[in-house]
């Protein structure tokens, strides 16, 4: 079933140049845009003096790192070759022959989408849709099996739920303490410089 679904999606490649370029863009570049959005939300939180924005971006960063580490561990324990290693595929993006399962791109983008979606529902929905397109594109370009992507999303949903239940408030408290400590230190240094 996994291979049949892979063939169905991957066989769309090399038939339409515009669609190929769109899928390559989603596969290669859109994850960087997701990372930039986290930074942008944090910067807006600083500029607009909105602590909630800063907390959401920090929580999103932390859960994304946790999920990517988890993805690496799972990939090391349950190793699956990439589709192009043993099969003839339409490979639109060259990739190292490392672990295919689960998809880091799907893991990272969905982690960010769910994290930021906690504070802004519309942004969360838009980013979730974009993450689903990223996941689809990873199969389209020949880098992942559909199960790699679907499993990544399942892992992210479970860990995000547990994170929000157990760690979210603790991370926010820790961040608030660090932020206040840094601000007081900077103000102290400013006073020294002005004397």
C-alpha atoms as a PDB file:
ATOM      1  CA  UNK A   1       0.000   0.000   0.000  1.00  0.00           C
ATOM      2  CA  UNK A   2       2.819   2.417   0.936  1.00  0.00           C
ATOM      3  CA  UNK A   3       4.667   1.705  -2.330  1.00  0.00           C
ATOM      4  CA  UNK A   4       1.486   1.888  -4.410  1.00  0.00           C
ATOM      5  CA  UNK A   5       0.617   5.292  -2.932  1.00  0.00           C
ATOM      6  CA  UNK A   6       4.212   6.435  -3.439  1.00  0.00           C
ATOM      7  CA  UNK A   7       4.056   5.443  -7.126  1.00  0.00           C
ATOM      8  CA  UNK A   8       0.712   7.199  -7.559  1.00  0.00           C
ATOM      9  CA  UNK A   9       2.134  10.496  -6.228  1.00  0.00           C
ATOM     10  CA  UNK A  10       5.702  10.239  -7.550  1.00  0.00           C
ATOM     11  CA  UNK A  11       4.504   9.330 -11.068  1.00  0.00           C
ATOM     12  CA  UNK A  12       3.000  12.844 -11.287  1.00  0.00           C
ATOM     13  CA  UNK A  13       6.573  14.184 -11.422  1.00  0.00           C
ATOM     14  CA  UNK A  14       8.258  15.023 -14.740  1.00  0.00           C
ATOM     15  CA  UNK A  15       4.914  15.567 -16.476  1.00  0.00           C
ATOM     16  CA  UNK A  16       4.414  19.291 -15.860  1.00  0.00           C
ATOM     17  CA  UNK A  17       7.393  21.650 -15.459  1.00  0.00           C
ATOM     18  CA  UNK A  18       5.408  24.278 -13.508  1.00  0.00           C
ATOM     19  CA  UNK A  19       4.047  21.705 -11.030  1.00  0.00           C
ATOM     20  CA  UNK A  20       7.545  20.206 -10.657  1.00  0.00           C
ATOM     21  CA  UNK A  21       8.974  23.641  -9.792  1.00  0.00           C
ATOM     22  CA  UNK A  22       6.169  24.311  -7.290  1.00  0.00           C
ATOM     23  CA  UNK A  23       6.764  20.949  -5.579  1.00  0.00           C
ATOM     24  CA  UNK A  24      10.541  21.509  -5.511  1.00  0.00           C
ATOM     25  CA  UNK A  25       9.941  24.944  -3.935  1.00  0.00           C
ATOM     26  CA  UNK A  26       7.653  23.464  -1.259  1.00  0.00           C
ATOM     27  CA  UNK A  27      10.067  20.623  -0.611  1.00  0.00           C
ATOM     28  CA  UNK A  28      13.258  22.700  -0.405  1.00  0.00           C
ATOM     29  CA  UNK A  29      12.372  26.280   0.526  1.00  0.00           C
ATOM     30  CA  UNK A  30       9.069  26.419   2.404  1.00  0.00           C
ATOM     31  CA  UNK A  31      10.535  24.839   5.610  1.00  0.00           C
ATOM     32  CA  UNK A  32      12.910  27.845   5.818  1.00  0.00           C
ATOM     33  CA  UNK A  33       9.924  30.181   5.525  1.00  0.00           C
ATOM     34  CA  UNK A  34       8.350  28.339   8.489  1.00  0.00           C
ATOM     35  CA  UNK A  35      11.495  28.965  10.549  1.00  0.00           C
ATOM     36  CA  UNK A  36      11.467  32.632   9.525  1.00  0.00           C
ATOM     37  CA  UNK A  37       7.858  32.946  10.710  1.00  0.00           C
ATOM     38  CA  UNK A  38       8.879  31.790  14.233  1.00  0.00           C
ATOM     39  CA  UNK A  39      11.587  34.475  14.283  1.00  0.00           C
ATOM     40  CA  UNK A  40       9.163  37.081  12.924  1.00  0.00           C
ATOM     41  CA  UNK A  41       6.571  36.323  15.628  1.00  0.00           C
ATOM     42  CA  UNK A  42       9.283  36.693  18.290  1.00  0.00           C
ATOM     43  CA  UNK A  43      10.520  39.995  16.784  1.00  0.00           C
ATOM     44  CA  UNK A  44       6.925  41.307  16.633  1.00  0.00           C
ATOM     45  CA  UNK A  45       6.598  40.351  20.300  1.00  0.00           C
ATOM     46  CA  UNK A  46       9.661  42.463  21.110  1.00  0.00           C
ATOM     47  CA  UNK A  47       8.613  45.439  18.942  1.00  0.00           C
ATOM     48  CA  UNK A  48       4.961  45.452  20.077  1.00  0.00           C
ATOM     49  CA  UNK A  49       5.911  44.537  23.676  1.00  0.00           C
ATOM     50  CA  UNK A  50       3.638  41.474  23.543  1.00  0.00           C
ATOM     51  CA  UNK A  51       4.901  38.800  25.912  1.00  0.00           C
ATOM     52  CA  UNK A  52       2.370  36.291  24.524  1.00  0.00           C
ATOM     53  CA  UNK A  53       4.005  36.461  21.044  1.00  0.00           C
ATOM     54  CA  UNK A  54       7.442  35.843  22.534  1.00  0.00           C
ATOM     55  CA  UNK A  55       6.190  32.920  24.638  1.00  0.00           C
ATOM     56  CA  UNK A  56       4.431  31.315  21.651  1.00  0.00           C
ATOM     57  CA  UNK A  57       7.535  31.576  19.467  1.00  0.00           C
ATOM     58  CA  UNK A  58       9.767  30.137  22.223  1.00  0.00           C
ATOM     59  CA  UNK A  59       7.336  27.256  22.859  1.00  0.00           C
ATOM     60  CA  UNK A  60       7.093  26.604  19.120  1.00  0.00           C
ATOM     61  CA  UNK A  61      10.886  26.535  18.810  1.00  0.00           C
ATOM     62  CA  UNK A  62      11.253  24.154  21.783  1.00  0.00           C
ATOM     63  CA  UNK A  63       8.569  21.689  20.606  1.00  0.00           C
ATOM     64  CA  UNK A  64      10.014  21.735  17.076  1.00  0.00           C
ATOM     65  CA  UNK A  65      13.488  20.871  18.408  1.00  0.00           C
ATOM     66  CA  UNK A  66      12.012  18.106  20.611  1.00  0.00           C
ATOM     67  CA  UNK A  67      10.108  16.642  17.651  1.00  0.00           C
ATOM     68  CA  UNK A  68      13.155  16.762  15.347  1.00  0.00           C
ATOM     69  CA  UNK A  69      15.314  15.033  17.980  1.00  0.00           C
ATOM     70  CA  UNK A  70      12.578  12.419  18.418  1.00  0.00           C
ATOM     71  CA  UNK A  71      12.419  11.994  14.629  1.00  0.00           C
ATOM     72  CA  UNK A  72      16.186  11.407  14.516  1.00  0.00           C
ATOM     73  CA  UNK A  73      16.006   8.829  17.331  1.00  0.00           C
ATOM     74  CA  UNK A  74      13.090   6.980  15.682  1.00  0.00           C
ATOM     75  CA  UNK A  75      14.920   7.023  12.328  1.00  0.00           C
ATOM     76  CA  UNK A  76      18.014   5.532  13.996  1.00  0.00           C
ATOM     77  CA  UNK A  77      16.056   2.764  15.733  1.00  0.00           C
ATOM     78  CA  UNK A  78      13.670   1.947  12.883  1.00  0.00           C
ATOM     79  CA  UNK A  79      15.755   2.577   9.788  1.00  0.00           C
ATOM     80  CA  UNK A  80      14.003   2.717   6.412  1.00  0.00           C
ATOM     81  CA  UNK A  81      15.902   3.393   3.169  1.00  0.00           C
ATOM     82  CA  UNK A  82      14.746   6.280   1.018  1.00  0.00           C
ATOM     83  CA  UNK A  83      12.564   5.309  -1.978  1.00  0.00           C
ATOM     84  CA  UNK A  84      15.325   5.973  -4.530  1.00  0.00           C
ATOM     85  CA  UNK A  85      17.814   3.587  -2.851  1.00  0.00           C
ATOM     86  CA  UNK A  86      16.195   0.340  -4.105  1.00  0.00           C
ATOM     87  CA  UNK A  87      13.651   1.634  -6.626  1.00  0.00           C
ATOM     88  CA  UNK A  88      13.565   3.534  -9.863  1.00  0.00           C
ATOM     89  CA  UNK A  89      11.819   6.811  -8.997  1.00  0.00           C
ATOM     90  CA  UNK A  90      11.272  10.269 -10.438  1.00  0.00           C
ATOM     91  CA  UNK A  91      13.913  11.966  -8.292  1.00  0.00           C
ATOM     92  CA  UNK A  92      13.568  15.745  -8.607  1.00  0.00           C
ATOM     93  CA  UNK A  93      15.824  16.614  -5.653  1.00  0.00           C
ATOM     94  CA  UNK A  94      19.079  14.768  -4.996  1.00  0.00           C
ATOM     95  CA  UNK A  95      19.290  13.604  -1.386  1.00  0.00           C
ATOM     96  CA  UNK A  96      21.719  11.641   0.760  1.00  0.00           C
ATOM     97  CA  UNK A  97      20.691   8.034   1.276  1.00  0.00           C
ATOM     98  CA  UNK A  98      19.990   8.455   5.003  1.00  0.00           C
ATOM     99  CA  UNK A  99      16.905   7.431   6.995  1.00  0.00           C
ATOM    100  CA  UNK A 100      13.603   8.058   5.275  1.00  0.00           C
ATOM    101  CA  UNK A 101      11.332   7.371   8.257  1.00  0.00           C
ATOM    102  CA  UNK A 102       9.918   9.673   9.609  1.00  0.00           C
ATOM    103  CA  UNK A 103      10.080  12.806   7.450  1.00  0.00           C
ATOM    104  CA  UNK A 104      11.974  15.664   9.121  1.00  0.00           C
ATOM    105  CA  UNK A 105      10.369  18.212   6.782  1.00  0.00           C
ATOM    106  CA  UNK A 106       6.876  17.059   7.751  1.00  0.00           C
ATOM    107  CA  UNK A 107       7.900  16.924  11.420  1.00  0.00           C
ATOM    108  CA  UNK A 108       9.392  20.418  11.474  1.00  0.00           C
ATOM    109  CA  UNK A 109       6.709  22.214   9.490  1.00  0.00           C
ATOM    110  CA  UNK A 110       3.776  20.634  11.335  1.00  0.00           C
ATOM    111  CA  UNK A 111       5.432  21.317  14.707  1.00  0.00           C
ATOM    112  CA  UNK A 112       5.683  24.992  13.780  1.00  0.00           C
ATOM    113  CA  UNK A 113       2.135  25.095  12.376  1.00  0.00           C
ATOM    114  CA  UNK A 114       0.629  23.603  15.545  1.00  0.00           C
ATOM    115  CA  UNK A 115       2.837  25.700  17.834  1.00  0.00           C
ATOM    116  CA  UNK A 116       1.988  29.030  16.241  1.00  0.00           C
ATOM    117  CA  UNK A 117      -1.622  27.961  15.785  1.00  0.00           C
ATOM    118  CA  UNK A 118      -1.993  28.052  19.583  1.00  0.00           C
ATOM    119  CA  UNK A 119      -1.985  31.862  19.496  1.00  0.00           C
ATOM    120  CA  UNK A 120      -3.351  32.618  16.038  1.00  0.00           C
ATOM    121  CA  UNK A 121      -5.894  30.190  14.618  1.00  0.00           C
ATOM    122  CA  UNK A 122      -5.827  31.630  11.070  1.00  0.00           C
ATOM    123  CA  UNK A 123      -2.017  31.502  10.914  1.00  0.00           C
ATOM    124  CA  UNK A 124      -2.157  27.946  12.292  1.00  0.00           C
ATOM    125  CA  UNK A 125      -4.650  26.802   9.635  1.00  0.00           C
ATOM    126  CA  UNK A 126      -2.641  28.405   6.802  1.00  0.00           C
ATOM    127  CA  UNK A 127       0.616  26.868   8.050  1.00  0.00           C
ATOM    128  CA  UNK A 128      -1.013  23.462   8.577  1.00  0.00           C
ATOM    129  CA  UNK A 129      -2.210  23.473   4.945  1.00  0.00           C
ATOM    130  CA  UNK A 130       1.270  24.531   3.789  1.00  0.00           C
ATOM    131  CA  UNK A 131       2.811  21.752   5.912  1.00  0.00           C
ATOM    132  CA  UNK A 132       0.509  19.192   4.271  1.00  0.00           C
ATOM    133  CA  UNK A 133       1.680  20.442   0.861  1.00  0.00           C
ATOM    134  CA  UNK A 134       5.307  20.148   2.053  1.00  0.00           C
ATOM    135  CA  UNK A 135       4.606  16.550   3.100  1.00  0.00           C
ATOM    136  CA  UNK A 136       2.997  15.770  -0.258  1.00  0.00           C
ATOM    137  CA  UNK A 137       5.918  17.420  -2.085  1.00  0.00           C
ATOM    138  CA  UNK A 138       8.444  15.208  -0.275  1.00  0.00           C
ATOM    139  CA  UNK A 139       6.777  12.155  -1.846  1.00  0.00           C
ATOM    140  CA  UNK A 140       6.299  13.928  -5.184  1.00  0.00           C
ATOM    141  CA  UNK A 141      10.044  14.726  -5.493  1.00  0.00           C
ATOM    142  CA  UNK A 142      10.983  11.127  -4.602  1.00  0.00           C
ATOM    143  CA  UNK A 143      12.569  11.713  -1.174  1.00  0.00           C
ATOM    144  CA  UNK A 144       9.963   9.999   1.062  1.00  0.00           C
ATOM    145  CA  UNK A 145       7.312   7.325   1.197  1.00  0.00           C
ATOM    146  CA  UNK A 146       3.788   8.479   2.155  1.00  0.00           C
ATOM    147  CA  UNK A 147       4.060   6.539   5.440  1.00  0.00           C
ATOM    148  CA  UNK A 148       7.171   8.586   6.370  1.00  0.00           C
ATOM    149  CA  UNK A 149       5.108  11.763   6.124  1.00  0.00           C
ATOM    150  CA  UNK A 150       1.910  10.433   7.745  1.00  0.00           C
ATOM    151  CA  UNK A 151       3.903   8.944  10.645  1.00  0.00           C
ATOM    152  CA  UNK A 152       5.706  12.254  11.156  1.00  0.00           C
ATOM    153  CA  UNK A 153       2.370  14.058  11.468  1.00  0.00           C
ATOM    154  CA  UNK A 154       1.040  11.465  13.940  1.00  0.00           C
ATOM    155  CA  UNK A 155       4.200  11.765  16.076  1.00  0.00           C
ATOM    156  CA  UNK A 156       3.934  15.567  16.049  1.00  0.00           C
ATOM    157  CA  UNK A 157       0.257  15.547  17.086  1.00  0.00           C
ATOM    158  CA  UNK A 158       0.991  13.178  19.993  1.00  0.00           C
ATOM    159  CA  UNK A 159       4.101  15.018  21.237  1.00  0.00           C
ATOM    160  CA  UNK A 160       2.438  18.434  20.876  1.00  0.00           C
ATOM    161  CA  UNK A 161      -0.506  17.230  22.951  1.00  0.00           C
ATOM    162  CA  UNK A 162       1.836  15.879  25.663  1.00  0.00           C
ATOM    163  CA  UNK A 163       4.016  18.998  25.526  1.00  0.00           C
ATOM    164  CA  UNK A 164       1.022  21.297  26.044  1.00  0.00           C
ATOM    165  CA  UNK A 165      -0.146  19.088  28.909  1.00  0.00           C
ATOM    166  CA  UNK A 166       3.186  18.712  30.734  1.00  0.00           C
ATOM    167  CA  UNK A 167       5.907  21.147  29.598  1.00  0.00           C
ATOM    168  CA  UNK A 168       4.346  24.255  28.030  1.00  0.00           C
ATOM    169  CA  UNK A 169       3.705  26.197  31.266  1.00  0.00           C
ATOM    170  CA  UNK A 170       7.109  25.234  32.702  1.00  0.00           C
ATOM    171  CA  UNK A 171       8.913  26.438  29.554  1.00  0.00           C
ATOM    172  CA  UNK A 172       6.943  29.714  29.667  1.00  0.00           C
ATOM    173  CA  UNK A 173       7.859  30.253  33.340  1.00  0.00           C
ATOM    174  CA  UNK A 174      11.515  29.521  32.615  1.00  0.00           C
ATOM    175  CA  UNK A 175      11.494  31.844  29.602  1.00  0.00           C
ATOM    176  CA  UNK A 176       9.872  34.652  31.648  1.00  0.00           C
ATOM    177  CA  UNK A 177      12.534  34.292  34.385  1.00  0.00           C
ATOM    178  CA  UNK A 178      15.378  34.351  31.837  1.00  0.00           C
ATOM    179  CA  UNK A 179      13.869  37.329  30.003  1.00  0.00           C
ATOM    180  CA  UNK A 180      13.466  39.343  33.237  1.00  0.00           C
ATOM    181  CA  UNK A 181      16.989  38.439  34.309  1.00  0.00           C
ATOM    182  CA  UNK A 182      18.406  39.602  30.962  1.00  0.00           C
ATOM    183  CA  UNK A 183      16.400  42.851  31.049  1.00  0.00           C
ATOM    184  CA  UNK A 184      17.506  43.648  34.605  1.00  0.00           C
ATOM    185  CA  UNK A 185      21.121  42.850  33.678  1.00  0.00           C
ATOM    186  CA  UNK A 186      20.954  45.108  30.603  1.00  0.00           C
ATOM    187  CA  UNK A 187      19.447  47.949  32.646  1.00  0.00           C
ATOM    188  CA  UNK A 188      22.169  47.487  35.264  1.00  0.00           C
ATOM    189  CA  UNK A 189      24.862  47.635  32.546  1.00  0.00           C
ATOM    190  CA  UNK A 190      23.208  50.766  31.067  1.00  0.00           C
ATOM    191  CA  UNK A 191      23.364  52.479  34.460  1.00  0.00           C
ATOM    192  CA  UNK A 192      27.078  51.683  34.762  1.00  0.00           C
ATOM    193  CA  UNK A 193      27.762  53.077  31.286  1.00  0.00           C
ATOM    194  CA  UNK A 194      25.791  56.282  31.958  1.00  0.00           C
ATOM    195  CA  UNK A 195      27.766  57.095  35.162  1.00  0.00           C
END
